[in-house]
PDB file of N, CA and C in Angstrom:
ATOM      1  N   UNK A   1      17.856 -12.752  45.710  1.00  0.00           N
ATOM      2  CA  UNK A   1      18.904 -12.301  44.824  1.00  0.00           C
ATOM      3  C   UNK A   1      18.944 -13.159  43.548  1.00  0.00           C
ATOM      4  N   UNK A   2      18.756 -14.453  43.711  1.00  0.00           N
ATOM      5  CA  UNK A   2      18.770 -15.356  42.553  1.00  0.00           C
ATOM      6  C   UNK A   2      17.632 -15.027  41.595  1.00  0.00           C
ATOM      7  N   UNK A   3      16.459 -14.721  42.151  1.00  0.00           N
ATOM      8  CA  UNK A   3      15.322 -14.368  41.312  1.00  0.00           C
ATOM      9  C   UNK A   3      15.581 -13.063  40.552  1.00  0.00           C
ATOM     10  N   UNK A   4      16.197 -12.098  41.190  1.00  0.00           N
ATOM     11  CA  UNK A   4      16.533 -10.829  40.539  1.00  0.00           C
ATOM     12  C   UNK A   4      17.538 -11.047  39.420  1.00  0.00           C
ATOM     13  N   UNK A   5      18.524 -11.904  39.653  1.00  0.00           N
ATOM     14  CA  UNK A   5      19.507 -12.208  38.611  1.00  0.00           C
ATOM     15  C   UNK A   5      18.844 -12.879  37.413  1.00  0.00           C
ATOM     16  N   UNK A   6      17.897 -13.749  37.669  1.00  0.00           N
ATOM     17  CA  UNK A   6      17.179 -14.424  36.592  1.00  0.00           C
ATOM     18  C   UNK A   6      16.355 -13.424  35.787  1.00  0.00           C
ATOM     19  N   UNK A   7      15.675 -12.508  36.463  1.00  0.00           N
ATOM     20  CA  UNK A   7      14.897 -11.476  35.780  1.00  0.00           C
ATOM     21  C   UNK A   7      15.817 -10.589  34.935  1.00  0.00           C
ATOM     22  N   UNK A   8      16.989 -10.255  35.469  1.00  0.00           N
ATOM     23  CA  UNK A   8      17.944  -9.433  34.735  1.00  0.00           C
ATOM     24  C   UNK A   8      18.447 -10.180  33.499  1.00  0.00           C
ATOM     25  N   UNK A   9      18.705 -11.456  33.624  1.00  0.00           N
ATOM     26  CA  UNK A   9      19.180 -12.252  32.487  1.00  0.00           C
ATOM     27  C   UNK A   9      18.120 -12.305  31.389  1.00  0.00           C
ATOM     28  N   UNK A  10      16.845 -12.442  31.774  1.00  0.00           N
ATOM     29  CA  UNK A  10      15.769 -12.458  30.783  1.00  0.00           C
ATOM     30  C   UNK A  10      15.659 -11.108  30.078  1.00  0.00           C
ATOM     31  N   UNK A  11      15.745 -10.025  30.830  1.00  0.00           N
ATOM     32  CA  UNK A  11      15.676  -8.685  30.236  1.00  0.00           C
ATOM     33  C   UNK A  11      16.880  -8.425  29.340  1.00  0.00           C
ATOM     34  N   UNK A  12      18.050  -8.892  29.743  1.00  0.00           N
ATOM     35  CA  UNK A  12      19.264  -8.692  28.946  1.00  0.00           C
ATOM     36  C   UNK A  12      19.184  -9.424  27.612  1.00  0.00           C
ATOM     37  N   UNK A  13      18.453 -10.528  27.567  1.00  0.00           N
ATOM     38  CA  UNK A  13      18.301 -11.256  26.307  1.00  0.00           C
ATOM     39  C   UNK A  13      17.525 -10.435  25.290  1.00  0.00           C
ATOM     40  N   UNK A  14      16.633  -9.559  25.772  1.00  0.00           N
ATOM     41  CA  UNK A  14      15.852  -8.708  24.879  1.00  0.00           C
ATOM     42  C   UNK A  14      16.634  -7.487  24.419  1.00  0.00           C
ATOM     43  N   UNK A  15      17.573  -7.026  25.235  1.00  0.00           N
ATOM     44  CA  UNK A  15      18.381  -5.847  24.929  1.00  0.00           C
ATOM     45  C   UNK A  15      19.836  -6.273  24.796  1.00  0.00           C
ATOM     46  N   UNK A  16      20.341  -6.402  23.584  1.00  0.00           N
ATOM     47  CA  UNK A  16      21.721  -6.869  23.407  1.00  0.00           C
ATOM     48  C   UNK A  16      22.744  -5.861  23.906  1.00  0.00           C
ATOM     49  N   UNK A  17      23.944  -6.336  24.161  1.00  0.00           N
ATOM     50  CA  UNK A  17      25.059  -5.474  24.521  1.00  0.00           C
ATOM     51  C   UNK A  17      25.609  -4.840  23.254  1.00  0.00           C
ATOM     52  N   UNK A  18      26.465  -3.853  23.384  1.00  0.00           N
ATOM     53  CA  UNK A  18      27.032  -3.124  22.248  1.00  0.00           C
ATOM     54  C   UNK A  18      27.666  -4.063  21.224  1.00  0.00           C
ATOM     55  N   UNK A  19      28.452  -5.037  21.679  1.00  0.00           N
ATOM     56  CA  UNK A  19      29.179  -5.903  20.747  1.00  0.00           C
ATOM     57  C   UNK A  19      28.258  -6.819  19.953  1.00  0.00           C
ATOM     58  N   UNK A  20      26.992  -6.968  20.371  1.00  0.00           N
ATOM     59  CA  UNK A  20      26.056  -7.838  19.666  1.00  0.00           C
ATOM     60  C   UNK A  20      25.302  -7.122  18.552  1.00  0.00           C
ATOM     61  N   UNK A  21      25.377  -5.815  18.484  1.00  0.00           N
ATOM     62  CA  UNK A  21      24.598  -5.042  17.520  1.00  0.00           C
ATOM     63  C   UNK A  21      24.950  -5.371  16.073  1.00  0.00           C
ATOM     64  N   UNK A  22      26.234  -5.430  15.682  1.00  0.00           N
ATOM     65  CA  UNK A  22      26.516  -5.771  14.278  1.00  0.00           C
ATOM     66  C   UNK A  22      25.912  -7.102  13.842  1.00  0.00           C
ATOM     67  N   UNK A  23      25.970  -8.110  14.696  1.00  0.00           N
ATOM     68  CA  UNK A  23      25.391  -9.401  14.322  1.00  0.00           C
ATOM     69  C   UNK A  23      23.866  -9.326  14.264  1.00  0.00           C
ATOM     70  N   UNK A  24      23.258  -8.512  15.105  1.00  0.00           N
ATOM     71  CA  UNK A  24      21.810  -8.331  15.064  1.00  0.00           C
ATOM     72  C   UNK A  24      21.400  -7.658  13.758  1.00  0.00           C
ATOM     73  N   UNK A  25      22.132  -6.628  13.337  1.00  0.00           N
ATOM     74  CA  UNK A  25      21.816  -5.944  12.080  1.00  0.00           C
ATOM     75  C   UNK A  25      22.037  -6.872  10.879  1.00  0.00           C
ATOM     76  N   UNK A  26      23.063  -7.692  10.938  1.00  0.00           N
ATOM     77  CA  UNK A  26      23.299  -8.679   9.885  1.00  0.00           C
ATOM     78  C   UNK A  26      22.139  -9.677   9.836  1.00  0.00           C
ATOM     79  N   UNK A  27      21.667 -10.078  11.003  1.00  0.00           N
ATOM     80  CA  UNK A  27      20.537 -11.010  11.085  1.00  0.00           C
ATOM     81  C   UNK A  27      19.284 -10.403  10.450  1.00  0.00           C
ATOM     82  N   UNK A  28      19.044  -9.127  10.696  1.00  0.00           N
ATOM     83  CA  UNK A  28      17.886  -8.445  10.115  1.00  0.00           C
ATOM     84  C   UNK A  28      18.000  -8.426   8.588  1.00  0.00           C
ATOM     85  N   UNK A  29      19.195  -8.144   8.093  1.00  0.00           N
ATOM     86  CA  UNK A  29      19.429  -8.153   6.650  1.00  0.00           C
ATOM     87  C   UNK A  29      19.196  -9.551   6.070  1.00  0.00           C
ATOM     88  N   UNK A  30      19.690 -10.572   6.758  1.00  0.00           N
ATOM     89  CA  UNK A  30      19.488 -11.959   6.304  1.00  0.00           C
ATOM     90  C   UNK A  30      18.005 -12.330   6.277  1.00  0.00           C
ATOM     91  N   UNK A  31      17.256 -11.890   7.286  1.00  0.00           N
ATOM     92  CA  UNK A  31      15.817 -12.168   7.325  1.00  0.00           C
ATOM     93  C   UNK A  31      15.135 -11.544   6.114  1.00  0.00           C
ATOM     94  N   UNK A  32      15.538 -10.315   5.776  1.00  0.00           N
ATOM     95  CA  UNK A  32      14.963  -9.653   4.607  1.00  0.00           C
ATOM     96  C   UNK A  32      15.269 -10.385   3.320  1.00  0.00           C
ATOM     97  N   UNK A  33      16.512 -10.790   3.157  1.00  0.00           N
ATOM     98  CA  UNK A  33      16.892 -11.505   1.936  1.00  0.00           C
ATOM     99  C   UNK A  33      16.201 -12.864   1.856  1.00  0.00           C
ATOM    100  N   UNK A  34      16.082 -13.552   2.990  1.00  0.00           N
ATOM    101  CA  UNK A  34      15.388 -14.844   3.015  1.00  0.00           C
ATOM    102  C   UNK A  34      13.883 -14.700   2.792  1.00  0.00           C
ATOM    103  N   UNK A  35      13.370 -13.486   2.994  1.00  0.00           N
ATOM    104  CA  UNK A  35      11.952 -13.217   2.745  1.00  0.00           C
ATOM    105  C   UNK A  35      11.698 -12.807   1.298  1.00  0.00           C
ATOM    106  N   UNK A  36      12.766 -12.761   0.493  1.00  0.00           N
ATOM    107  CA  UNK A  36      12.615 -12.437  -0.918  1.00  0.00           C
ATOM    108  C   UNK A  36      12.736 -10.963  -1.239  1.00  0.00           C
ATOM    109  N   UNK A  37      13.333 -10.185  -0.333  1.00  0.00           N
ATOM    110  CA  UNK A  37      13.494  -8.750  -0.562  1.00  0.00           C
ATOM    111  C   UNK A  37      14.902  -8.434  -1.049  1.00  0.00           C
ATOM    112  N   UNK A  38      15.002  -7.401  -1.875  1.00  0.00           N
ATOM    113  CA  UNK A  38      16.297  -6.860  -2.285  1.00  0.00           C
ATOM    114  C   UNK A  38      16.502  -5.570  -1.509  1.00  0.00           C
ATOM    115  N   UNK A  39      17.631  -5.470  -0.802  1.00  0.00           N
ATOM    116  CA  UNK A  39      17.925  -4.259  -0.039  1.00  0.00           C
ATOM    117  C   UNK A  39      18.522  -3.214  -0.966  1.00  0.00           C
ATOM    118  N   UNK A  40      17.873  -2.057  -1.032  1.00  0.00           N
ATOM    119  CA  UNK A  40      18.360  -0.945  -1.838  1.00  0.00           C
ATOM    120  C   UNK A  40      19.223  -0.016  -0.987  1.00  0.00           C
ATOM    121  N   UNK A  41      18.868   0.119   0.292  1.00  0.00           N
ATOM    122  CA  UNK A  41      19.712   0.870   1.234  1.00  0.00           C
ATOM    123  C   UNK A  41      19.457   0.374   2.647  1.00  0.00           C
ATOM    124  N   UNK A  42      20.482   0.458   3.456  1.00  0.00           N
ATOM    125  CA  UNK A  42      20.460  -0.006   4.852  1.00  0.00           C
ATOM    126  C   UNK A  42      21.368   0.962   5.597  1.00  0.00           C
ATOM    127  N   UNK A  43      20.781   1.998   6.196  1.00  0.00           N
ATOM    128  CA  UNK A  43      21.569   3.092   6.762  1.00  0.00           C
ATOM    129  C   UNK A  43      21.380   3.169   8.275  1.00  0.00           C
ATOM    130  N   UNK A  44      22.336   2.625   9.045  1.00  0.00           N
ATOM    131  CA  UNK A  44      22.273   2.784  10.508  1.00  0.00           C
ATOM    132  C   UNK A  44      22.488   4.253  10.875  1.00  0.00           C
ATOM    133  N   UNK A  45      21.688   4.751  11.792  1.00  0.00           N
ATOM    134  CA  UNK A  45      21.782   6.127  12.275  1.00  0.00           C
ATOM    135  C   UNK A  45      22.473   6.141  13.631  1.00  0.00           C
ATOM    136  N   UNK A  46      22.773   7.329  14.126  1.00  0.00           N
ATOM    137  CA  UNK A  46      23.398   7.460  15.445  1.00  0.00           C
ATOM    138  C   UNK A  46      22.442   6.979  16.527  1.00  0.00           C
ATOM    139  N   UNK A  47      22.996   6.256  17.488  1.00  0.00           N
ATOM    140  CA  UNK A  47      22.154   5.775  18.573  1.00  0.00           C
ATOM    141  C   UNK A  47      21.754   6.935  19.471  1.00  0.00           C
ATOM    142  N   UNK A  48      20.596   6.769  20.113  1.00  0.00           N
ATOM    143  CA  UNK A  48      20.072   7.775  21.030  1.00  0.00           C
ATOM    144  C   UNK A  48      19.971   7.147  22.410  1.00  0.00           C
ATOM    145  N   UNK A  49      20.789   7.641  23.335  1.00  0.00           N
ATOM    146  CA  UNK A  49      20.808   7.082  24.685  1.00  0.00           C
ATOM    147  C   UNK A  49      19.617   7.539  25.505  1.00  0.00           C
ATOM    148  N   UNK A  50      19.077   6.590  26.246  1.00  0.00           N
ATOM    149  CA  UNK A  50      17.990   6.846  27.194  1.00  0.00           C
ATOM    150  C   UNK A  50      18.530   6.507  28.586  1.00  0.00           C
ATOM    151  N   UNK A  51      17.648   6.253  29.536  1.00  0.00           N
ATOM    152  CA  UNK A  51      18.078   6.004  30.903  1.00  0.00           C
ATOM    153  C   UNK A  51      18.916   4.725  31.046  1.00  0.00           C
ATOM    154  N   UNK A  52      18.406   3.591  30.596  1.00  0.00           N
ATOM    155  CA  UNK A  52      19.131   2.320  30.744  1.00  0.00           C
ATOM    156  C   UNK A  52      19.267   1.566  29.426  1.00  0.00           C
ATOM    157  N   UNK A  53      18.867   2.212  28.340  1.00  0.00           N
ATOM    158  CA  UNK A  53      18.978   1.594  27.033  1.00  0.00           C
ATOM    159  C   UNK A  53      19.279   2.672  25.994  1.00  0.00           C
ATOM    160  N   UNK A  54      19.610   2.221  24.803  1.00  0.00           N
ATOM    161  CA  UNK A  54      19.838   3.139  23.690  1.00  0.00           C
ATOM    162  C   UNK A  54      19.040   2.665  22.485  1.00  0.00           C
ATOM    163  N   UNK A  55      18.424   3.617  21.781  1.00  0.00           N
ATOM    164  CA  UNK A  55      17.751   3.331  20.509  1.00  0.00           C
ATOM    165  C   UNK A  55      18.807   3.269  19.423  1.00  0.00           C
ATOM    166  N   UNK A  56      18.701   2.285  18.546  1.00  0.00           N
ATOM    167  CA  UNK A  56      19.599   2.186  17.399  1.00  0.00           C
ATOM    168  C   UNK A  56      18.721   2.155  16.146  1.00  0.00           C
ATOM    169  N   UNK A  57      18.491   3.339  15.553  1.00  0.00           N
ATOM    170  CA  UNK A  57      17.622   3.401  14.380  1.00  0.00           C
ATOM    171  C   UNK A  57      18.364   3.054  13.087  1.00  0.00           C
ATOM    172  N   UNK A  58      17.628   2.459  12.165  1.00  0.00           N
ATOM    173  CA  UNK A  58      18.162   2.103  10.856  1.00  0.00           C
ATOM    174  C   UNK A  58      17.098   2.460   9.824  1.00  0.00           C
ATOM    175  N   UNK A  59      17.475   3.243   8.830  1.00  0.00           N
ATOM    176  CA  UNK A  59      16.578   3.535   7.713  1.00  0.00           C
ATOM    177  C   UNK A  59      16.819   2.488   6.640  1.00  0.00           C
ATOM    178  N   UNK A  60      15.738   1.854   6.204  1.00  0.00           N
ATOM    179  CA  UNK A  60      15.848   0.748   5.263  1.00  0.00           C
ATOM    180  C   UNK A  60      14.955   1.007   4.054  1.00  0.00           C
ATOM    181  N   UNK A  61      15.473   0.655   2.885  1.00  0.00           N
ATOM    182  CA  UNK A  61      14.695   0.701   1.645  1.00  0.00           C
ATOM    183  C   UNK A  61      14.883  -0.639   0.960  1.00  0.00           C
ATOM    184  N   UNK A  62      13.751  -1.300   0.670  1.00  0.00           N
ATOM    185  CA  UNK A  62      13.789  -2.616   0.039  1.00  0.00           C
ATOM    186  C   UNK A  62      12.910  -2.611  -1.199  1.00  0.00           C
ATOM    187  N   UNK A  63      13.117  -3.621  -2.022  1.00  0.00           N
ATOM    188  CA  UNK A  63      12.306  -3.832  -3.210  1.00  0.00           C
ATOM    189  C   UNK A  63      11.793  -5.269  -3.149  1.00  0.00           C
ATOM    190  N   UNK A  64      10.486  -5.416  -3.354  1.00  0.00           N
ATOM    191  CA  UNK A  64       9.896  -6.752  -3.333  1.00  0.00           C
ATOM    192  C   UNK A  64       8.392  -6.668  -3.367  1.00  0.00           C
ATOM    193  N   UNK A  65       7.761  -7.809  -3.359  1.00  0.00           N
ATOM    194  CA  UNK A  65       6.299  -7.842  -3.398  1.00  0.00           C
ATOM    195  C   UNK A  65       5.720  -7.452  -2.038  1.00  0.00           C
ATOM    196  N   UNK A  66       4.457  -7.054  -2.060  1.00  0.00           N
ATOM    197  CA  UNK A  66       3.737  -6.721  -0.829  1.00  0.00           C
ATOM    198  C   UNK A  66       3.788  -7.901   0.136  1.00  0.00           C
ATOM    199  N   UNK A  67       3.563  -9.089  -0.388  1.00  0.00           N
ATOM    200  CA  UNK A  67       3.573 -10.298   0.438  1.00  0.00           C
ATOM    201  C   UNK A  67       4.944 -10.513   1.089  1.00  0.00           C
ATOM    202  N   UNK A  68       6.023 -10.337   0.336  1.00  0.00           N
ATOM    203  CA  UNK A  68       7.371 -10.544   0.878  1.00  0.00           C
ATOM    204  C   UNK A  68       7.701  -9.533   1.971  1.00  0.00           C
ATOM    205  N   UNK A  69       7.224  -8.300   1.822  1.00  0.00           N
ATOM    206  CA  UNK A  69       7.420  -7.302   2.887  1.00  0.00           C
ATOM    207  C   UNK A  69       6.686  -7.768   4.140  1.00  0.00           C
ATOM    208  N   UNK A  70       5.468  -8.278   3.957  1.00  0.00           N
ATOM    209  CA  UNK A  70       4.704  -8.790   5.101  1.00  0.00           C
ATOM    210  C   UNK A  70       5.392  -9.957   5.779  1.00  0.00           C
ATOM    211  N   UNK A  71       5.964 -10.854   4.991  1.00  0.00           N
ATOM    212  CA  UNK A  71       6.705 -11.998   5.554  1.00  0.00           C
ATOM    213  C   UNK A  71       7.893 -11.487   6.380  1.00  0.00           C
ATOM    214  N   UNK A  72       8.617 -10.518   5.837  1.00  0.00           N
ATOM    215  CA  UNK A  72       9.762  -9.935   6.547  1.00  0.00           C
ATOM    216  C   UNK A  72       9.320  -9.328   7.884  1.00  0.00           C
ATOM    217  N   UNK A  73       8.271  -8.518   7.864  1.00  0.00           N
ATOM    218  CA  UNK A  73       7.800  -7.880   9.095  1.00  0.00           C
ATOM    219  C   UNK A  73       7.331  -8.916  10.115  1.00  0.00           C
ATOM    220  N   UNK A  74       6.703  -9.987   9.642  1.00  0.00           N
ATOM    221  CA  UNK A  74       6.269 -11.056  10.540  1.00  0.00           C
ATOM    222  C   UNK A  74       7.474 -11.732  11.195  1.00  0.00           C
ATOM    223  N   UNK A  75       8.501 -12.016  10.400  1.00  0.00           N
ATOM    224  CA  UNK A  75       9.689 -12.665  10.944  1.00  0.00           C
ATOM    225  C   UNK A  75      10.414 -11.752  11.938  1.00  0.00           C
ATOM    226  N   UNK A  76      10.436 -10.451  11.656  1.00  0.00           N
ATOM    227  CA  UNK A  76      11.056  -9.499  12.582  1.00  0.00           C
ATOM    228  C   UNK A  76      10.293  -9.491  13.902  1.00  0.00           C
ATOM    229  N   UNK A  77       8.965  -9.590  13.829  1.00  0.00           N
ATOM    230  CA  UNK A  77       8.158  -9.576  15.064  1.00  0.00           C
ATOM    231  C   UNK A  77       8.415 -10.806  15.921  1.00  0.00           C
ATOM    232  N   UNK A  78       8.905 -11.890  15.311  1.00  0.00           N
ATOM    233  CA  UNK A  78       9.215 -13.108  16.054  1.00  0.00           C
ATOM    234  C   UNK A  78      10.634 -13.119  16.611  1.00  0.00           C
ATOM    235  N   UNK A  79      11.374 -12.043  16.382  1.00  0.00           N
ATOM    236  CA  UNK A  79      12.766 -11.966  16.830  1.00  0.00           C
ATOM    237  C   UNK A  79      12.855 -12.064  18.345  1.00  0.00           C
ATOM    238  N   UNK A  80      13.958 -12.609  18.821  1.00  0.00           N
ATOM    239  CA  UNK A  80      14.167 -12.704  20.267  1.00  0.00           C
ATOM    240  C   UNK A  80      14.608 -11.364  20.844  1.00  0.00           C
ATOM    241  N   UNK A  81      14.893 -10.389  19.999  1.00  0.00           N
ATOM    242  CA  UNK A  81      15.283  -9.041  20.422  1.00  0.00           C
ATOM    243  C   UNK A  81      14.119  -8.081  20.204  1.00  0.00           C
ATOM    244  N   UNK A  82      14.143  -6.981  20.927  1.00  0.00           N
ATOM    245  CA  UNK A  82      13.117  -5.967  20.745  1.00  0.00           C
ATOM    246  C   UNK A  82      13.465  -5.149  19.502  1.00  0.00           C
ATOM    247  N   UNK A  83      12.553  -5.147  18.544  1.00  0.00           N
ATOM    248  CA  UNK A  83      12.725  -4.398  17.299  1.00  0.00           C
ATOM    249  C   UNK A  83      11.371  -3.785  16.960  1.00  0.00           C
ATOM    250  N   UNK A  84      11.359  -2.494  16.638  1.00  0.00           N
ATOM    251  CA  UNK A  84      10.128  -1.848  16.211  1.00  0.00           C
ATOM    252  C   UNK A  84      10.301  -1.317  14.790  1.00  0.00           C
ATOM    253  N   UNK A  85       9.207  -1.305  14.057  1.00  0.00           N
ATOM    254  CA  UNK A  85       9.208  -0.805  12.694  1.00  0.00           C
ATOM    255  C   UNK A  85       8.150   0.290  12.611  1.00  0.00           C
ATOM    256  N   UNK A  86       8.517   1.415  11.984  1.00  0.00           N
ATOM    257  CA  UNK A  86       7.568   2.517  11.837  1.00  0.00           C
ATOM    258  C   UNK A  86       7.788   3.213  10.507  1.00  0.00           C
ATOM    259  N   UNK A  87       6.917   4.147  10.204  1.00  0.00           N
ATOM    260  CA  UNK A  87       7.014   4.982   9.005  1.00  0.00           C
ATOM    261  C   UNK A  87       7.122   4.149   7.723  1.00  0.00           C
ATOM    262  N   UNK A  88       6.270   3.140   7.605  1.00  0.00           N
ATOM    263  CA  UNK A  88       6.287   2.281   6.414  1.00  0.00           C
ATOM    264  C   UNK A  88       5.652   3.039   5.246  1.00  0.00           C
ATOM    265  N   UNK A  89       6.366   3.064   4.130  1.00  0.00           N
ATOM    266  CA  UNK A  89       5.877   3.739   2.931  1.00  0.00           C
ATOM    267  C   UNK A  89       6.139   2.838   1.733  1.00  0.00           C
ATOM    268  N   UNK A  90       5.067   2.462   1.029  1.00  0.00           N
ATOM    269  CA  UNK A  90       5.189   1.596  -0.151  1.00  0.00           C
ATOM    270  C   UNK A  90       4.793   2.391  -1.386  1.00  0.00           C
ATOM    271  N   UNK A  91       5.538   2.183  -2.463  1.00  0.00           N
ATOM    272  CA  UNK A  91       5.201   2.891  -3.691  1.00  0.00           C
ATOM    273  C   UNK A  91       6.034   2.410  -4.858  1.00  0.00           C
ATOM    274  N   UNK A  92       5.930   3.154  -5.969  1.00  0.00           N
ATOM    275  CA  UNK A  92       6.708   2.838  -7.165  1.00  0.00           C
ATOM    276  C   UNK A  92       6.445   1.458  -7.723  1.00  0.00           C
ATOM    277  N   UNK A  93       5.167   1.076  -7.868  1.00  0.00           N
ATOM    278  CA  UNK A  93       4.885  -0.282  -8.358  1.00  0.00           C
ATOM    279  C   UNK A  93       5.417  -0.505  -9.771  1.00  0.00           C
ATOM    280  N   UNK A  94       6.037  -1.675  -9.958  1.00  0.00           N
ATOM    281  CA  UNK A  94       6.554  -2.073 -11.269  1.00  0.00           C
ATOM    282  C   UNK A  94       6.229  -3.547 -11.469  1.00  0.00           C
ATOM    283  N   UNK A  95       5.713  -3.854 -12.623  1.00  0.00           N
ATOM    284  CA  UNK A  95       5.401  -5.241 -12.940  1.00  0.00           C
ATOM    285  C   UNK A  95       6.652  -5.923 -13.472  1.00  0.00           C
ATOM    286  N   UNK A  96       7.104  -6.973 -12.750  1.00  0.00           N
ATOM    287  CA  UNK A  96       8.285  -7.732 -13.158  1.00  0.00           C
ATOM    288  C   UNK A  96       7.956  -9.218 -13.070  1.00  0.00           C
ATOM    289  N   UNK A  97       8.142  -9.906 -14.185  1.00  0.00           N
ATOM    290  CA  UNK A  97       7.917 -11.355 -14.238  1.00  0.00           C
ATOM    291  C   UNK A  97       6.549 -11.732 -13.676  1.00  0.00           C
ATOM    292  N   UNK A  98       5.546 -10.913 -13.980  1.00  0.00           N
ATOM    293  CA  UNK A  98       4.189 -11.213 -13.549  1.00  0.00           C
ATOM    294  C   UNK A  98       3.886 -10.857 -12.103  1.00  0.00           C
ATOM    295  N   UNK A  99       4.816 -10.221 -11.401  1.00  0.00           N
ATOM    296  CA  UNK A  99       4.593  -9.827 -10.011  1.00  0.00           C
ATOM    297  C   UNK A  99       4.726  -8.319  -9.876  1.00  0.00           C
ATOM    298  N   UNK A 100       3.918  -7.735  -8.998  1.00  0.00           N
ATOM    299  CA  UNK A 100       3.990  -6.311  -8.739  1.00  0.00           C
ATOM    300  C   UNK A 100       5.059  -6.072  -7.670  1.00  0.00           C
ATOM    301  N   UNK A 101       6.130  -5.409  -8.062  1.00  0.00           N
ATOM    302  CA  UNK A 101       7.252  -5.123  -7.164  1.00  0.00           C
ATOM    303  C   UNK A 101       7.106  -3.695  -6.648  1.00  0.00           C
ATOM    304  N   UNK A 102       7.239  -3.538  -5.341  1.00  0.00           N
ATOM    305  CA  UNK A 102       7.121  -2.233  -4.691  1.00  0.00           C
ATOM    306  C   UNK A 102       8.449  -1.848  -4.055  1.00  0.00           C
ATOM    307  N   UNK A 103       8.695  -0.552  -4.001  1.00  0.00           N
ATOM    308  CA  UNK A 103       9.805  -0.050  -3.196  1.00  0.00           C
ATOM    309  C   UNK A 103       9.207   0.349  -1.860  1.00  0.00           C
ATOM    310  N   UNK A 104       9.763  -0.180  -0.796  1.00  0.00           N
ATOM    311  CA  UNK A 104       9.245   0.069   0.542  1.00  0.00           C
ATOM    312  C   UNK A 104      10.339   0.669   1.398  1.00  0.00           C
ATOM    313  N   UNK A 105      10.015   1.766   2.061  1.00  0.00           N
ATOM    314  CA  UNK A 105      10.941   2.374   3.015  1.00  0.00           C
ATOM    315  C   UNK A 105      10.313   2.292   4.399  1.00  0.00           C
ATOM    316  N   UNK A 106      11.155   2.156   5.404  1.00  0.00           N
ATOM    317  CA  UNK A 106      10.676   2.149   6.785  1.00  0.00           C
ATOM    318  C   UNK A 106      11.841   2.419   7.721  1.00  0.00           C
ATOM    319  N   UNK A 107      11.483   2.784   8.924  1.00  0.00           N
ATOM    320  CA  UNK A 107      12.471   2.977   9.984  1.00  0.00           C
ATOM    321  C   UNK A 107      12.369   1.789  10.923  1.00  0.00           C
ATOM    322  N   UNK A 108      13.482   1.171  11.172  1.00  0.00           N
ATOM    323  CA  UNK A 108      13.555   0.044  12.091  1.00  0.00           C
ATOM    324  C   UNK A 108      14.391   0.514  13.281  1.00  0.00           C
ATOM    325  N   UNK A 109      13.931   0.243  14.474  1.00  0.00           N
ATOM    326  CA  UNK A 109      14.673   0.618  15.673  1.00  0.00           C
ATOM    327  C   UNK A 109      14.885  -0.622  16.516  1.00  0.00           C
ATOM    328  N   UNK A 110      16.138  -0.873  16.849  1.00  0.00           N
ATOM    329  CA  UNK A 110      16.442  -1.911  17.821  1.00  0.00           C
ATOM    330  C   UNK A 110      17.059  -1.211  19.021  1.00  0.00           C
ATOM    331  N   UNK A 111      17.270  -1.938  20.055  1.00  0.00           N
ATOM    332  CA  UNK A 111      17.676  -1.335  21.317  1.00  0.00           C
ATOM    333  C   UNK A 111      18.831  -2.118  21.915  1.00  0.00           C
ATOM    334  N   UNK A 112      19.648  -1.428  22.698  1.00  0.00           N
ATOM    335  CA  UNK A 112      20.709  -2.120  23.413  1.00  0.00           C
ATOM    336  C   UNK A 112      20.727  -1.640  24.857  1.00  0.00           C
ATOM    337  N   UNK A 113      21.209  -2.503  25.713  1.00  0.00           N
ATOM    338  CA  UNK A 113      21.308  -2.200  27.137  1.00  0.00           C
ATOM    339  C   UNK A 113      22.480  -1.273  27.369  1.00  0.00           C
ATOM    340  N   UNK A 114      22.281  -0.254  28.197  1.00  0.00           N
ATOM    341  CA  UNK A 114      23.339   0.678  28.575  1.00  0.00           C
ATOM    342  C   UNK A 114      23.566   0.520  30.075  1.00  0.00           C
ATOM    343  N   UNK A 115      24.773   0.119  30.424  1.00  0.00           N
ATOM    344  CA  UNK A 115      25.099  -0.023  31.839  1.00  0.00           C
ATOM    345  C   UNK A 115      25.195   1.349  32.472  1.00  0.00           C
ATOM    346  N   UNK A 116      24.579   1.489  33.626  1.00  0.00           N
ATOM    347  CA  UNK A 116      24.683   2.766  34.327  1.00  0.00           C
ATOM    348  C   UNK A 116      26.028   2.869  35.017  1.00  0.00           C
ATOM    349  N   UNK A 117      26.500   4.098  35.170  1.00  0.00           N
ATOM    350  CA  UNK A 117      27.791   4.316  35.823  1.00  0.00           C
ATOM    351  C   UNK A 117      27.662   3.964  37.299  1.00  0.00           C
ATOM    352  N   UNK A 118      28.734   3.364  37.889  1.00  0.00           N
ATOM    353  CA  UNK A 118      28.640   2.970  39.310  1.00  0.00           C
ATOM    354  C   UNK A 118      28.521   4.169  40.224  1.00  0.00           C
TER     355      UNK A 118
END
């Protein structure tokens, strides 16, 4: 029983509870800003419930260099929570202060644990 509880605690660390989601989304925004990105839009979508977890998708649009987007994605991959990024689209290059700035859109999905009914 102790081993099962330990396994559950480890899995729960990867899937936050409902009340932890706002702080997780704030953390993602902070990671982006610390990576040198400007957020143009950050739109959380309706969660999609699955068997024991829920998908929490967020559509994001940022402005920054190719390198800064890569730094952001690398930092997200090191997160202690499960986060996936898909549908990356880069475009609209503009030269600013000697750097090529791109507008990048992507879908980010994080997950939360859903307690099953007794």
